[in-house]
Amino acid sequence: MESDSFVREYLLLGLGFDRLEEGFVDAYTGDPALRRQVENAPKPDPRDLARTAANLRAELPSAGLSEERTRFLDVHLRALECSGRKFAGDDVGFVDEVDAYFDVRIERGDEEQYREAHRKMDAVLPGPGPLAERIRVHRAKDAIPADRLQECVDAFSSALRDLVRQHYALPDSEVVEYEVVGDKPWSGFNYYLGDYRSKVAINSDLEQHMANLPRLIAHESYPGHHTEHCRKEAGLVGAGQLEQTLFVVNTPQCLMAEGLADLALESIVGSDWGLWAQEIYADLGLRFDGEQAQRLSGASGQLLGVRQDAAMMLHDEGRSHDDVAAFLQRWSLSTPERARQSLRFLSSPLWRAYTSTYVEGYRLLGGWLAEVPVGAERSERFRRLLDEPLVPSVLRAGEGYLTAGG
């Protein structure tokens, strides 16, 4: 099979999954005729999709594609084969499912590390009463008034966009529109529409906090998801790598994208992001303790694995929802409402494994970035994450390749 035909079959395969579960295709910016072809065809059998993925993977070495494209497509076809099996009702263990989807092997975290995080957070927020209650009071004070949310979003989006443009070129026509929505299992979501346009939805069901908003905007827009989509569309897609017009959930693309996005704020602003945000809030007439936010964020970062542990308890160990909610409340110091919101995400058939993209993506990409000094070398590595079709196994192996056609 020639390379163009092979990629076309890959795109049709990925689009077919959206007929089984709407939302499986996170973004598609390619030939609309292919989407129409899939939409007008009978609903596919998931076992047929799994077989197609396996057959394409077997044919991949002879497709005449470059090494980077072959490696990218190989792990994505593996992920899609697993998705087809799951949709067909096969019993796949949760750890194996995550491995197949995201090219990473997971294990339970160390609760002693979580205790250490609590001790550090206690030092940042000293006082009488349980730490969880002090966190609740702190978060209440840190909440953004609902009538000020839009102007805060606009201010951080503009400031981050200016910073990104100083370091990484963006098309003049790129734009992000923000909307407030409800009844969603996430706090924010980027809908990439193609042609360098994104719509970012912010969940009104979850109170938005001053300490988190800069990170949310960086994650979804600048230099996170929107920036990555724009630069890959301009670079990889422009160079003929049409497999990059498709972005589907439960694939290594997601782990790479979420890891990049979770590292976006520090990557573009630096470790003093809180002091930077403090100045922007001051211009808006809002009081924000940036130094305290930085210290609290650094301490709570050791709780990163709690959500993944909760997913493993639920799906690998068969623990009850009540047990998992109690675990989340204990270690993440969350309210019962927020724990149940997290549990809703972990229980979703489409999103149940997705938590690992944040946990393992942050660890893997953060470790890879930290191998080089802050400054030009670190910025160059972040650029590669934005621009190249890297996959987890490449970073783990300490390998790399520069973008090329083929």
Protein backbone atom coordinates (compact mmCIF):
# COMPACT_ATOMS: atom_id res chain seq x y z
CA MET A 1 0.00 0.00 0.00
CA GLU A 2 1.39 3.42 -0.94
CA SER A 3 2.01 5.94 1.82
CA ASP A 4 -0.86 8.30 0.84
CA SER A 5 -3.32 5.41 0.66
CA PHE A 6 -2.08 4.07 3.99
CA VAL A 7 -2.61 7.41 5.74
CA ARG A 8 -6.04 7.69 4.16
CA GLU A 9 -7.01 4.31 5.63
CA TYR A 10 -5.69 5.40 9.03
CA LEU A 11 -7.85 8.53 8.91
CA LEU A 12 -10.93 6.55 7.93
CA LEU A 13 -10.24 4.14 10.77
CA GLY A 14 -9.95 6.88 13.36
CA LEU A 15 -13.04 8.69 12.11
CA GLY A 16 -14.96 5.43 12.31
CA PHE A 17 -14.59 5.37 16.08
CA ASP A 18 -16.57 8.58 16.34
CA ARG A 19 -19.58 6.62 15.04
CA LEU A 20 -19.28 4.35 18.08
CA GLU A 21 -18.75 7.12 20.64
CA GLU A 22 -19.32 10.77 19.79
CA GLY A 23 -16.34 12.73 21.06
CA PHE A 24 -13.80 9.99 20.35
CA VAL A 25 -12.46 12.23 17.59
CA ASP A 26 -11.26 15.25 19.51
CA ALA A 27 -10.31 17.16 16.37
CA TYR A 28 -10.24 16.53 12.65
CA THR A 29 -9.01 19.19 10.22
CA GLY A 30 -8.48 17.08 7.11
CA ASP A 31 -10.44 16.41 3.94
CA PRO A 32 -14.14 16.80 4.82
CA ALA A 33 -14.99 14.22 2.16
CA LEU A 34 -13.45 11.51 4.34
CA ARG A 35 -15.64 12.50 7.28
CA ARG A 36 -18.73 12.50 5.05
CA GLN A 37 -17.77 9.06 3.74
CA VAL A 38 -17.69 7.71 7.30
CA GLU A 39 -20.87 9.49 8.35
CA ASN A 40 -22.78 8.15 5.34
CA ALA A 41 -21.61 4.56 5.83
CA PRO A 42 -23.31 2.04 8.16
CA LYS A 43 -22.23 2.18 11.78
CA PRO A 44 -19.02 0.11 11.98
CA ASP A 45 -18.59 -3.07 13.97
CA PRO A 46 -15.95 -2.44 16.66
CA ARG A 47 -14.34 -5.82 15.99
CA ASP A 48 -13.91 -4.81 12.35
CA LEU A 49 -12.22 -1.61 13.48
CA ALA A 50 -9.88 -3.59 15.75
CA ARG A 51 -9.00 -5.95 12.91
CA THR A 52 -8.41 -3.05 10.54
CA ALA A 53 -6.07 -1.43 13.06
CA ALA A 54 -4.13 -4.69 13.47
CA ASN A 55 -3.90 -5.23 9.70
CA LEU A 56 -2.71 -1.67 9.08
CA ARG A 57 -0.11 -2.05 11.80
CA ALA A 58 1.18 -5.20 10.12
CA GLU A 59 1.41 -3.37 6.76
CA LEU A 60 3.01 -0.25 8.23
CA PRO A 61 6.70 -1.22 7.76
CA SER A 62 6.16 -1.50 4.00
CA ALA A 63 4.17 1.74 3.62
CA GLY A 64 7.22 3.79 2.66
CA LEU A 65 6.91 6.33 5.46
CA SER A 66 9.76 8.00 7.33
CA GLU A 67 10.95 6.62 10.67
CA GLU A 68 9.21 9.31 12.71
CA ARG A 69 5.89 8.82 10.93
CA THR A 70 6.15 5.03 11.14
CA ARG A 71 6.81 5.16 14.88
CA PHE A 72 3.93 7.60 15.41
CA LEU A 73 1.44 5.52 13.44
CA ASP A 74 2.58 2.24 15.01
CA VAL A 75 1.71 3.24 18.59
CA HIS A 76 -1.52 4.91 17.48
CA LEU A 77 -2.71 1.86 15.59
CA ARG A 78 -1.93 -0.23 18.67
CA ALA A 79 -4.10 2.14 20.72
CA LEU A 80 -6.96 2.02 18.23
CA GLU A 81 -6.87 -1.76 18.13
CA CYS A 82 -7.31 -1.81 21.91
CA SER A 83 -10.19 0.69 21.68
CA GLY A 84 -11.91 -1.53 19.13
CA ARG A 85 -11.57 -4.51 21.45
CA LYS A 86 -12.92 -2.52 24.40
CA PHE A 87 -15.93 -1.32 22.38
CA ALA A 88 -16.52 -4.94 21.36
CA GLY A 89 -16.72 -5.95 25.01
CA ASP A 90 -13.34 -7.63 25.49
CA ASP A 91 -12.07 -7.78 29.06
CA VAL A 92 -8.81 -5.83 29.03
CA GLY A 93 -7.10 -5.18 32.36
CA PHE A 94 -6.91 -1.52 33.27
CA VAL A 95 -3.10 -1.36 33.43
CA ASP A 96 -2.86 -3.10 30.05
CA GLU A 97 -5.52 -0.77 28.65
CA VAL A 98 -3.54 2.31 29.72
CA ASP A 99 -0.36 0.79 28.30
CA ALA A 100 -1.99 0.14 24.93
CA TYR A 101 -3.62 3.56 24.75
CA PHE A 102 -0.79 5.76 25.95
CA ASP A 103 2.49 3.86 25.48
CA VAL A 104 3.19 3.95 29.23
CA ARG A 105 3.11 1.43 32.11
CA ILE A 106 1.50 2.64 35.33
CA GLU A 107 1.70 1.58 38.98
CA ARG A 108 0.30 2.73 42.32
CA GLY A 109 1.87 5.77 43.94
CA ASP A 110 3.63 6.08 47.31
CA GLU A 111 1.32 7.28 50.08
CA GLU A 112 4.33 8.46 52.09
CA GLN A 113 4.92 11.00 49.33
CA TYR A 114 1.34 12.17 49.76
CA ARG A 115 1.89 12.56 53.51
CA GLU A 116 4.99 14.63 52.78
CA ALA A 117 2.92 16.83 50.46
CA HIS A 118 0.41 17.37 53.25
CA ARG A 119 3.22 18.37 55.63
CA LYS A 120 4.50 20.93 53.13
CA MET A 121 1.00 22.29 52.51
CA ASP A 122 0.48 22.54 56.26
CA ALA A 123 3.59 24.74 56.45
CA VAL A 124 2.24 27.03 53.73
CA LEU A 125 -1.19 27.32 55.40
CA PRO A 126 -0.50 27.06 59.14
CA GLY A 127 -3.22 27.39 61.73
CA PRO A 128 -5.70 25.49 63.90
CA GLY A 129 -8.05 22.82 62.61
CA PRO A 130 -7.64 20.09 59.97
CA LEU A 131 -5.56 20.87 56.89
CA ALA A 132 -8.50 20.00 54.61
CA GLU A 133 -10.59 22.70 56.27
CA ARG A 134 -7.80 25.27 55.94
CA ILE A 135 -7.50 24.36 52.26
CA ARG A 136 -11.26 24.81 51.85
CA VAL A 137 -11.17 28.26 53.46
CA HIS A 138 -8.15 29.24 51.36
CA ARG A 139 -9.84 28.12 48.14
CA ALA A 140 -13.00 30.02 49.05
CA LYS A 141 -10.94 33.21 49.42
CA ASP A 142 -9.15 32.41 46.17
CA ALA A 143 -12.37 31.98 44.16
CA ILE A 144 -12.88 34.34 41.25
CA PRO A 145 -16.18 36.24 41.45
CA ALA A 146 -18.44 34.94 38.70
CA ASP A 147 -18.95 38.43 37.26
CA ARG A 148 -15.16 38.92 36.98
CA LEU A 149 -14.31 35.58 35.36
CA GLN A 150 -14.54 36.70 31.75
CA GLU A 151 -12.25 39.71 32.16
CA CYS A 152 -9.74 37.57 34.06
CA VAL A 153 -9.80 34.98 31.27
CA ASP A 154 -9.29 37.69 28.65
CA ALA A 155 -6.43 39.30 30.59
CA PHE A 156 -4.45 36.08 31.02
CA SER A 157 -5.15 34.91 27.49
CA SER A 158 -3.82 38.20 26.11
CA ALA A 159 -0.74 38.22 28.36
CA LEU A 160 0.15 34.60 27.61
CA ARG A 161 -0.46 35.05 23.89
CA ASP A 162 2.02 37.96 23.85
CA LEU A 163 4.64 35.85 25.66
CA VAL A 164 4.17 32.90 23.33
CA ARG A 165 4.56 35.07 20.26
CA GLN A 166 7.90 36.29 21.58
CA HIS A 167 9.23 32.72 21.67
CA TYR A 168 7.23 30.63 19.17
CA ALA A 169 5.79 31.95 15.92
CA LEU A 170 2.03 31.70 15.48
CA PRO A 171 -0.02 32.39 12.35
CA ASP A 172 -1.43 35.93 12.26
CA SER A 173 -4.95 34.55 11.84
CA GLU A 174 -4.92 32.33 14.95
CA VAL A 175 -7.64 33.01 17.49
CA VAL A 176 -9.16 31.49 20.64
CA GLU A 177 -12.76 32.08 21.67
CA TYR A 178 -13.86 31.33 25.23
CA GLU A 179 -17.28 30.18 26.43
CA VAL A 180 -18.68 29.17 29.80
CA VAL A 181 -20.55 25.84 29.91
CA GLY A 182 -21.97 23.47 32.53
CA ASP A 183 -22.64 19.80 33.21
CA LYS A 184 -19.18 18.59 32.10
CA PRO A 185 -16.73 16.19 33.78
CA TRP A 186 -13.73 18.51 33.20
CA SER A 187 -12.76 22.06 34.24
CA GLY A 188 -11.79 23.23 30.76
CA PHE A 189 -11.69 21.84 27.23
CA ASN A 190 -10.10 22.95 23.96
CA TYR A 191 -12.08 22.34 20.78
CA TYR A 192 -9.65 22.84 17.92
CA LEU A 193 -11.60 23.85 14.82
CA GLY A 194 -8.80 23.97 12.27
CA ASP A 195 -7.44 26.93 10.34
CA TYR A 196 -5.71 28.06 13.55
CA ARG A 197 -8.96 28.55 15.49
CA SER A 198 -9.95 27.12 18.87
CA LYS A 199 -12.98 27.33 21.12
CA VAL A 200 -12.14 26.87 24.79
CA ALA A 201 -14.98 25.89 27.12
CA ILE A 202 -14.70 26.62 30.86
CA ASN A 203 -16.91 24.61 33.19
CA SER A 204 -19.13 26.81 35.35
CA ASP A 205 -20.02 23.87 37.62
CA LEU A 206 -16.54 24.08 39.16
CA GLU A 207 -15.55 27.25 40.99
CA GLN A 208 -12.62 28.86 39.23
CA HIS A 209 -9.74 30.01 41.44
CA MET A 210 -7.17 32.73 40.95
CA ALA A 211 -4.26 30.34 41.52
CA ASN A 212 -5.53 27.94 38.85
CA LEU A 213 -6.80 30.26 36.12
CA PRO A 214 -3.37 31.18 34.65
CA ARG A 215 -2.56 27.46 34.47
CA LEU A 216 -5.93 26.70 32.85
CA ILE A 217 -5.46 29.33 30.13
CA ALA A 218 -1.86 28.25 29.52
CA HIS A 219 -3.01 24.61 29.35
CA GLU A 220 -5.86 25.12 26.92
CA SER A 221 -4.47 27.97 24.82
CA TYR A 222 -1.02 29.57 25.14
CA PRO A 223 1.34 27.71 24.88
CA GLY A 224 -0.76 24.58 25.43
CA HIS A 225 -3.30 22.82 23.23
CA HIS A 226 -4.19 25.69 20.89
CA THR A 227 -0.55 26.59 20.28
CA GLU A 228 0.42 22.97 19.67
CA HIS A 229 -2.45 22.43 17.23
CA CYS A 230 -1.59 25.62 15.33
CA ARG A 231 2.10 24.86 15.00
CA LYS A 232 1.55 21.24 13.99
CA GLU A 233 -1.05 22.30 11.43
CA ALA A 234 1.33 24.89 9.98
CA GLY A 235 4.37 22.61 10.13
CA LEU A 236 3.61 18.89 9.97
CA VAL A 237 0.33 19.08 8.08
CA GLY A 238 1.78 21.72 5.79
CA ALA A 239 4.65 19.31 5.04
CA GLY A 240 2.19 16.55 4.06
CA GLN A 241 1.91 14.54 7.29
CA LEU A 242 -1.85 14.26 6.99
CA GLU A 243 -2.13 11.79 9.88
CA GLN A 244 -1.70 14.90 12.04
CA THR A 245 -5.09 16.22 10.87
CA LEU A 246 -6.68 13.64 13.19
CA PHE A 247 -6.58 13.82 16.99
CA VAL A 248 -8.40 11.01 18.78
CA VAL A 249 -8.72 10.30 22.49
CA ASN A 250 -7.09 7.32 24.18
CA THR A 251 -3.93 7.48 22.09
CA PRO A 252 -0.32 8.53 22.81
CA GLN A 253 -1.13 11.89 21.21
CA CYS A 254 -3.18 12.64 24.31
CA LEU A 255 -0.44 11.83 26.81
CA MET A 256 2.01 14.02 24.93
CA ALA A 257 -0.50 16.86 24.56
CA GLU A 258 -1.65 16.83 28.20
CA GLY A 259 1.90 16.62 29.52
CA LEU A 260 2.90 19.56 27.34
CA ALA A 261 -0.14 21.56 28.40
CA ASP A 262 0.36 20.89 32.12
CA LEU A 263 3.95 22.15 31.78
CA ALA A 264 2.92 25.13 29.66
CA LEU A 265 2.68 27.85 32.31
CA GLU A 266 6.12 27.32 33.87
CA SER A 267 7.62 26.76 30.42
CA ILE A 268 6.56 30.17 29.13
CA VAL A 269 6.47 32.27 32.34
CA GLY A 270 9.01 30.52 34.57
CA SER A 271 9.03 29.37 38.18
CA ASP A 272 7.83 32.78 39.40
CA TRP A 273 4.52 32.44 37.57
CA GLY A 274 2.63 33.38 40.76
CA LEU A 275 4.36 36.75 41.08
CA TRP A 276 3.70 37.35 37.37
CA ALA A 277 0.01 36.53 37.85
CA GLN A 278 -0.14 38.73 40.95
CA GLU A 279 0.67 41.78 38.82
CA ILE A 280 -2.06 40.97 36.32
CA TYR A 281 -4.65 40.48 39.05
CA ALA A 282 -3.54 43.75 40.66
CA ASP A 283 -4.24 45.55 37.39
CA LEU A 284 -7.77 44.10 37.59
CA GLY A 285 -8.19 45.26 41.18
CA LEU A 286 -7.96 41.73 42.66
CA ARG A 287 -5.67 40.71 45.51
CA PHE A 288 -3.63 37.57 44.95
CA ASP A 289 -0.64 36.25 46.90
CA GLY A 290 1.57 34.93 44.12
CA GLU A 291 4.41 33.69 46.32
CA GLN A 292 2.04 31.69 48.49
CA ALA A 293 0.39 30.23 45.38
CA GLN A 294 3.77 29.09 44.06
CA ARG A 295 4.67 27.40 47.35
CA LEU A 296 1.29 25.71 47.64
CA SER A 297 1.43 24.53 44.04
CA GLY A 298 4.90 23.09 44.54
CA ALA A 299 3.76 21.19 47.64
CA SER A 300 0.52 19.90 46.17
CA GLY A 301 2.37 18.76 43.04
CA GLN A 302 3.44 15.69 45.05
CA LEU A 303 -0.23 14.65 45.04
CA LEU A 304 -0.16 14.21 41.26
CA GLY A 305 -0.56 10.43 41.44
CA VAL A 306 -3.65 10.45 43.66
CA ARG A 307 -6.07 10.59 40.73
CA GLN A 308 -4.33 7.74 38.94
CA ASP A 309 -4.34 5.68 42.13
CA ALA A 310 -8.10 6.33 42.36
CA ALA A 311 -8.57 5.10 38.79
CA MET A 312 -6.61 1.93 39.54
CA MET A 313 -8.65 1.34 42.70
CA LEU A 314 -11.87 1.69 40.73
CA HIS A 315 -11.00 -0.28 37.60
CA ASP A 316 -8.12 -2.56 38.56
CA GLU A 317 -8.99 -3.41 42.17
CA GLY A 318 -12.78 -3.28 41.92
CA ARG A 319 -13.19 -0.86 44.84
CA SER A 320 -16.54 0.86 45.42
CA HIS A 321 -17.32 4.44 44.42
CA ASP A 322 -17.62 5.33 48.09
CA ASP A 323 -14.16 3.94 48.83
CA VAL A 324 -12.62 5.80 45.91
CA ALA A 325 -14.37 9.07 46.79
CA ALA A 326 -13.09 8.76 50.38
CA PHE A 327 -9.56 8.12 49.05
CA LEU A 328 -9.75 11.25 46.88
CA GLN A 329 -11.02 13.36 49.76
CA ARG A 330 -8.31 12.09 52.10
CA TRP A 331 -5.27 12.55 49.90
CA SER A 332 -6.29 15.33 47.50
CA LEU A 333 -7.92 17.25 50.37
CA SER A 334 -10.91 17.90 48.15
CA THR A 335 -14.49 18.56 49.15
CA PRO A 336 -17.00 15.70 48.78
CA GLU A 337 -18.47 17.55 45.79
CA ARG A 338 -15.14 17.87 43.99
CA ALA A 339 -14.27 14.25 44.79
CA ARG A 340 -17.54 13.13 43.22
CA GLN A 341 -16.82 15.35 40.18
CA SER A 342 -13.45 13.62 39.81
CA LEU A 343 -15.13 10.24 40.24
CA ARG A 344 -17.53 11.11 37.43
CA PHE A 345 -14.56 11.65 35.11
CA LEU A 346 -12.90 8.41 36.25
CA SER A 347 -16.15 6.47 35.72
CA SER A 348 -16.80 7.66 32.17
CA PRO A 349 -16.35 4.81 29.65
CA LEU A 350 -14.62 7.22 27.25
CA TRP A 351 -12.47 9.05 29.80
CA ARG A 352 -11.79 6.41 32.49
CA ALA A 353 -8.15 5.84 31.49
CA TYR A 354 -7.51 9.44 30.52
CA THR A 355 -6.33 10.55 33.97
CA SER A 356 -3.04 8.77 33.24
CA THR A 357 -2.30 11.25 30.45
CA TYR A 358 -2.02 14.05 33.02
CA VAL A 359 -0.07 12.05 35.58
CA GLU A 360 2.34 10.19 33.33
CA GLY A 361 2.49 12.94 30.72
CA TYR A 362 3.62 15.49 33.29
CA ARG A 363 6.20 13.09 34.73
CA LEU A 364 7.62 11.96 31.40
CA LEU A 365 7.72 15.30 29.60
CA GLY A 366 8.74 17.19 32.73
CA GLY A 367 11.65 14.83 33.27
CA TRP A 368 12.68 15.14 29.62
CA LEU A 369 12.62 18.94 29.76
CA ALA A 370 14.54 18.97 33.04
CA GLU A 371 17.44 17.09 31.43
CA VAL A 372 18.62 20.43 29.98
CA PRO A 373 19.16 23.81 31.69
CA VAL A 374 16.49 26.50 31.89
CA GLY A 375 16.94 28.96 29.04
CA ALA A 376 17.57 28.43 25.35
CA GLU A 377 18.00 24.66 25.60
CA ARG A 378 14.81 24.18 27.61
CA SER A 379 12.87 26.43 25.21
CA GLU A 380 14.17 24.41 22.27
CA ARG A 381 13.00 21.16 23.83
CA PHE A 382 9.56 22.65 24.48
CA ARG A 383 9.49 23.78 20.84
CA ARG A 384 10.13 20.21 19.77
CA LEU A 385 7.14 19.07 21.83
CA LEU A 386 5.03 21.69 20.04
CA ASP A 387 6.29 20.88 16.57
CA GLU A 388 7.33 17.24 16.27
CA PRO A 389 5.30 13.97 16.28
CA LEU A 390 7.12 12.64 19.33
CA VAL A 391 5.73 9.66 21.27
CA PRO A 392 6.37 8.52 24.86
CA SER A 393 8.72 5.67 23.97
CA VAL A 394 10.99 8.09 22.11
CA LEU A 395 11.42 10.30 25.17
CA ARG A 396 11.92 7.30 27.46
CA ALA A 397 14.65 5.94 25.18
CA GLY A 398 16.43 9.31 25.07
CA GLU A 399 16.04 9.33 21.32
CA GLY A 400 14.86 12.10 19.07
CA TYR A 401 14.39 12.99 15.48
CA LEU A 402 14.01 16.21 13.67
CA THR A 403 10.88 16.79 11.65
CA ALA A 404 11.11 15.69 8.04
CA GLY A 405 8.78 14.82 5.26
CA GLY A 406 8.36 11.34 3.83
